Amino acid sequence: MVLSSPDLLLQVKGVHKRFGANVVLAGADLDVPRGSVVTVMGRSGTGKSVFLKCLAQVILADEGQIFFDGRALADNDAKSRLEFRRRCSFLFQSNALFDSLTALENVALPLEQTTDLRDAEIRERSLEAMRQLELESHQDRYPSQLSGGMQKRLALARAIVTRPELVLFDEPTAGLDPLRRNAVFTMIAKYQRQFGFTAVIVTHDVQEALAASDRVALLDKGRMNFQGSPTEFRASEDLVVTSFRDNITALNASLAAIRQGEIIPSEDS
């Protein structure tokens, strides 16, 4: 099936996913314009990573359709799914670097696995990816010998070495302090502009996502409660959006009430 939406590189319609009795996705939709940075936000445990893995075809959705470049990724269409994997890269939350391989060998691995390029060309393209991310001087080091920021850049070099049109980022700032979170979002924005790929990010870092994204979406109870620009998200008065977006304001109000001796009800009361 072909969908006539030339401005959209990726379109998700009514995706459902459950694990046993646990319903994770209950009809999630998402529009991803070509050449944009789109961030899917949501509380921890809302299924953001499951949604991203459905997009990457790491997990198959139970229902719904995913269109890439206008064509449906059907379970029985091996050719379209293979073409999608060739044009897409996935950046794992943990970086998923191989400790037994050097930095250069880590970057070269996707080319070795998915292309028929000669060894010399694989090496040159891998070095070029590392050069563009300012890692060429560390090519012979192992991941454990690199800083956390360098490991993130190395994982990105590996993700872009195949020259993908779409890069999926799974919680790229998980466990990082505010300065390093800023650095990661800056890195994504910089290289997305430099290489021209389309980016889909899942995160719960609100302010960083609003600053770095062209569009944002909010996943809640298995569905996208909101899709739009960062400006529209900031202006939204939807209760689900405001409770997620304005959590710091709510925290400050609760702390002020506690200091004044007021009784604050618990979340489950």
Protein backbone atom coordinates (compact mmCIF):
# COMPACT_ATOMS: atom_id res chain seq x y z
CA MET A 1 0.00 0.00 0.00
CA VAL A 2 1.25 3.48 -0.89
CA LEU A 3 0.26 6.62 1.02
CA SER A 4 0.33 9.98 -0.79
CA SER A 5 2.11 12.19 1.78
CA PRO A 6 5.29 13.36 0.02
CA ASP A 7 6.30 15.72 2.84
CA LEU A 8 6.26 12.92 5.42
CA LEU A 9 9.16 10.49 5.58
CA LEU A 10 7.49 8.46 8.31
CA GLN A 11 3.82 8.14 9.22
CA VAL A 12 2.37 5.95 11.95
CA LYS A 13 -1.34 5.14 12.08
CA GLY A 14 -3.13 3.37 14.93
CA VAL A 15 -0.27 1.24 16.25
CA HIS A 16 -1.21 -1.21 19.01
CA LYS A 17 1.13 -3.37 21.08
CA ARG A 18 0.45 -5.52 24.11
CA PHE A 19 2.50 -7.98 26.09
CA GLY A 20 0.08 -10.49 27.57
CA ALA A 21 -2.53 -8.52 29.47
CA ASN A 22 -0.37 -5.38 29.51
CA VAL A 23 -1.53 -2.92 26.84
CA VAL A 24 1.42 -0.63 26.02
CA LEU A 25 0.27 1.05 22.80
CA ALA A 26 -3.42 1.56 22.10
CA GLY A 27 -3.64 3.29 18.73
CA ALA A 28 -0.58 5.55 18.63
CA ASP A 29 -0.18 7.90 15.64
CA LEU A 30 2.79 10.02 14.57
CA ASP A 31 3.66 12.21 11.57
CA VAL A 32 7.37 12.79 10.87
CA PRO A 33 8.12 15.43 8.21
CA ARG A 34 11.12 14.77 6.01
CA GLY A 35 14.33 16.40 7.31
CA SER A 36 12.91 17.27 10.73
CA VAL A 37 13.69 16.50 14.37
CA VAL A 38 10.62 14.99 16.04
CA THR A 39 10.64 14.14 19.74
CA VAL A 40 8.18 11.81 21.47
CA MET A 41 7.92 12.62 25.16
CA GLY A 42 6.14 10.90 28.02
CA ARG A 43 6.52 9.74 31.56
CA SER A 44 8.74 6.78 32.40
CA GLY A 45 6.96 3.52 31.67
CA THR A 46 4.51 4.94 29.12
CA GLY A 47 5.88 2.82 26.26
CA LYS A 48 8.09 5.33 24.44
CA SER A 49 10.88 2.83 23.83
CA VAL A 50 8.38 0.16 22.74
CA PHE A 51 6.91 2.66 20.28
CA LEU A 52 10.37 3.44 18.89
CA LYS A 53 11.21 -0.25 18.56
CA CYS A 54 7.98 -0.76 16.63
CA LEU A 55 9.10 2.02 14.27
CA ALA A 56 12.49 0.35 13.89
CA GLN A 57 10.83 -3.02 13.25
CA VAL A 58 12.73 -4.47 16.20
CA ILE A 59 9.30 -5.28 17.66
CA LEU A 60 6.33 -5.94 15.35
CA ALA A 61 3.13 -4.07 16.18
CA ASP A 62 -0.02 -6.09 16.81
CA GLU A 63 -2.17 -3.68 14.78
CA GLY A 64 -1.79 -0.47 12.82
CA GLN A 65 0.31 0.71 9.90
CA ILE A 66 3.73 2.30 9.54
CA PHE A 67 4.51 4.09 6.29
CA PHE A 68 8.09 4.92 5.30
CA ASP A 69 8.59 7.23 2.33
CA GLY A 70 4.95 6.64 1.40
CA ARG A 71 5.07 2.83 1.43
CA ALA A 72 3.57 0.58 4.09
CA LEU A 73 5.94 -1.67 6.03
CA ALA A 74 3.85 -4.82 5.82
CA ASP A 75 4.74 -8.01 7.71
CA ASN A 76 4.51 -10.02 4.48
CA ASP A 77 6.56 -7.56 2.40
CA ALA A 78 10.14 -8.56 3.10
CA LYS A 79 11.47 -6.31 0.34
CA SER A 80 10.02 -3.07 1.78
CA ARG A 81 11.17 -3.94 5.29
CA LEU A 82 14.69 -4.75 4.07
CA GLU A 83 14.79 -1.44 2.20
CA PHE A 84 13.63 0.36 5.35
CA ARG A 85 16.40 -1.21 7.45
CA ARG A 86 18.94 -0.14 4.83
CA ARG A 87 17.79 3.48 5.04
CA CYS A 88 17.31 3.68 8.82
CA SER A 89 19.61 3.56 11.87
CA PHE A 90 18.79 3.00 15.53
CA LEU A 91 20.77 4.61 18.36
CA PHE A 92 20.31 2.54 21.50
CA GLN A 93 19.88 4.05 24.97
CA SER A 94 22.99 2.24 26.24
CA ASN A 95 24.98 3.03 23.04
CA ALA A 96 25.37 -0.77 22.50
CA LEU A 97 29.05 -0.46 21.66
CA PHE A 98 31.15 -3.63 21.54
CA ASP A 99 33.85 -3.49 24.22
CA SER A 100 36.03 -6.02 22.40
CA LEU A 101 36.17 -3.88 19.24
CA THR A 102 38.13 -0.68 18.74
CA ALA A 103 36.30 2.56 18.03
CA LEU A 104 37.01 2.19 14.31
CA GLU A 105 35.86 -1.44 14.28
CA ASN A 106 32.61 -0.44 16.02
CA VAL A 107 31.88 2.17 13.36
CA ALA A 108 32.77 -0.17 10.50
CA LEU A 109 30.53 -3.00 11.70
CA PRO A 110 27.26 -1.87 10.01
CA LEU A 111 29.03 -1.51 6.67
CA GLU A 112 30.58 -4.96 7.03
CA GLN A 113 27.18 -6.48 7.83
CA THR A 114 24.97 -4.67 5.33
CA THR A 115 27.10 -3.84 2.27
CA ASP A 116 29.38 -5.47 -0.26
CA LEU A 117 31.98 -2.69 -0.03
CA ARG A 118 35.65 -3.58 -0.16
CA ASP A 119 37.63 -3.43 3.08
CA ALA A 120 39.52 -0.32 1.97
CA GLU A 121 36.28 1.57 1.23
CA ILE A 122 34.73 0.45 4.52
CA ARG A 123 37.76 1.77 6.37
CA GLU A 124 37.69 5.10 4.52
CA ARG A 125 33.97 5.66 5.09
CA SER A 126 34.32 4.71 8.76
CA LEU A 127 37.24 7.07 9.24
CA GLU A 128 35.28 9.83 7.51
CA ALA A 129 32.34 9.34 9.91
CA MET A 130 34.73 9.48 12.86
CA ARG A 131 36.46 12.54 11.39
CA GLN A 132 33.14 14.36 11.08
CA LEU A 133 32.37 13.66 14.74
CA GLU A 134 35.90 14.62 15.84
CA LEU A 135 36.88 11.09 16.85
CA GLU A 136 39.49 10.17 14.26
CA SER A 137 42.39 10.42 16.73
CA HIS A 138 40.68 7.83 18.96
CA GLN A 139 40.17 5.19 16.26
CA ASP A 140 42.36 2.58 17.98
CA ARG A 141 40.91 3.03 21.45
CA TYR A 142 38.28 0.76 22.97
CA PRO A 143 34.93 2.13 24.20
CA SER A 144 35.96 1.72 27.85
CA GLN A 145 38.86 4.11 27.17
CA LEU A 146 36.52 6.88 25.98
CA SER A 147 34.53 9.39 28.01
CA GLY A 148 30.74 9.18 28.15
CA GLY A 149 30.40 12.01 25.65
CA MET A 150 32.84 10.36 23.26
CA GLN A 151 30.93 7.09 23.53
CA LYS A 152 27.73 8.93 22.53
CA ARG A 153 29.50 10.43 19.53
CA LEU A 154 30.97 7.05 18.63
CA ALA A 155 27.51 5.48 18.71
CA LEU A 156 26.25 8.28 16.46
CA ALA A 157 29.19 7.79 14.07
CA ARG A 158 28.23 4.13 13.80
CA ALA A 159 24.59 5.10 13.23
CA ILE A 160 25.37 7.54 10.39
CA VAL A 161 28.15 5.60 8.64
CA THR A 162 25.57 3.90 6.41
CA ARG A 163 24.27 7.37 5.45
CA PRO A 164 20.71 6.73 6.68
CA GLU A 165 17.73 8.93 5.92
CA LEU A 166 16.15 8.25 9.32
CA VAL A 167 17.87 7.92 12.71
CA LEU A 168 15.90 6.75 15.76
CA PHE A 169 17.23 7.80 19.20
CA ASP A 170 16.12 5.79 22.23
CA GLU A 171 16.40 7.92 25.43
CA PRO A 172 19.79 9.36 24.38
CA THR A 173 20.13 11.38 27.63
CA ALA A 174 19.09 8.68 30.12
CA GLY A 175 21.07 8.96 33.35
CA LEU A 176 22.94 12.13 32.33
CA ASP A 177 23.26 15.35 34.31
CA PRO A 178 21.76 18.60 32.89
CA LEU A 179 24.97 19.79 31.21
CA ARG A 180 25.52 16.46 29.47
CA ARG A 181 21.84 16.33 28.45
CA ASN A 182 22.28 19.71 26.78
CA ALA A 183 25.43 18.47 25.05
CA VAL A 184 23.65 15.40 23.64
CA PHE A 185 20.71 17.39 22.25
CA THR A 186 23.16 19.92 20.80
CA MET A 187 25.07 17.06 19.18
CA ILE A 188 21.90 15.62 17.63
CA ALA A 189 20.78 19.02 16.31
CA LYS A 190 24.24 19.83 14.93
CA TYR A 191 24.74 16.59 13.05
CA GLN A 192 21.14 16.34 11.90
CA ARG A 193 21.62 19.70 10.19
CA GLN A 194 25.07 18.70 8.88
CA PHE A 195 24.06 15.33 7.42
CA GLY A 196 20.40 16.06 6.66
CA PHE A 197 18.86 12.94 8.19
CA THR A 198 15.40 12.87 9.77
CA ALA A 199 15.50 12.24 13.53
CA VAL A 200 12.96 10.71 15.89
CA ILE A 201 13.88 10.93 19.58
CA VAL A 202 12.10 9.49 22.60
CA THR A 203 12.79 11.18 25.93
CA HIS A 204 11.21 12.61 29.08
CA ASP A 205 13.48 15.68 29.08
CA VAL A 206 10.92 18.39 28.37
CA GLN A 207 12.90 21.61 28.13
CA GLU A 208 15.75 20.12 26.10
CA ALA A 209 13.30 18.50 23.69
CA LEU A 210 11.36 21.73 23.20
CA ALA A 211 14.58 23.60 22.45
CA ALA A 212 15.98 21.06 19.97
CA SER A 213 12.90 19.78 18.11
CA ASP A 214 10.87 20.93 15.13
CA ARG A 215 7.85 18.96 16.35
CA VAL A 216 6.98 17.20 19.60
CA ALA A 217 4.46 14.56 20.59
CA LEU A 218 3.26 13.40 24.00
CA LEU A 219 2.55 9.71 24.55
CA ASP A 220 0.04 8.98 27.30
CA LYS A 221 -1.97 5.80 27.97
CA GLY A 222 -0.88 4.25 24.70
CA ARG A 223 -1.89 7.17 22.45
CA MET A 224 -0.40 10.44 21.29
CA ASN A 225 -2.18 12.99 23.42
CA PHE A 226 -0.51 15.84 21.56
CA GLN A 227 1.35 16.48 18.29
CA GLY A 228 2.56 19.89 17.18
CA SER A 229 5.30 22.49 17.33
CA PRO A 230 7.17 23.34 20.55
CA THR A 231 5.35 26.70 20.58
CA GLU A 232 1.98 24.95 20.42
CA PHE A 233 3.05 22.55 23.17
CA ARG A 234 4.07 25.43 25.44
CA ALA A 235 0.70 27.12 24.83
CA SER A 236 -1.48 24.01 25.20
CA GLU A 237 -3.99 23.99 28.06
CA ASP A 238 -4.74 20.28 27.75
CA LEU A 239 -4.66 18.78 31.25
CA VAL A 240 -2.39 15.87 30.28
CA VAL A 241 0.04 18.25 28.59
CA THR A 242 0.08 20.74 31.46
CA SER A 243 0.58 18.06 34.13
CA PHE A 244 3.61 16.75 32.23
CA ARG A 245 4.99 20.09 31.04
CA ASP A 246 4.49 22.08 34.24
CA ASN A 247 5.75 19.50 36.74
CA ILE A 248 8.39 21.88 38.14
CA THR A 249 5.73 24.50 38.81
CA ALA A 250 3.64 21.87 40.59
CA LEU A 251 6.68 20.75 42.61
CA ASN A 252 7.42 24.31 43.70
CA ALA A 253 3.80 24.79 44.77
CA SER A 254 3.84 21.54 46.77
CA LEU A 255 7.11 22.43 48.49
CA ALA A 256 5.83 25.90 49.35
CA ALA A 257 2.70 24.37 50.88
CA ILE A 258 4.78 21.88 52.89
CA ARG A 259 6.94 24.70 54.25
CA GLN A 260 3.79 26.48 55.32
CA GLY A 261 2.61 23.39 57.17
CA GLU A 262 -0.17 22.37 54.79
CA ILE A 263 -1.05 18.70 54.26
CA ILE A 264 -0.29 17.53 50.70
CA PRO A 265 -2.36 14.53 49.52
CA SER A 266 -0.40 11.60 48.13
CA GLU A 267 -0.71 10.70 44.45
CA ASP A 268 -2.66 7.51 45.19
CA SER A 269 -5.01 9.00 47.76
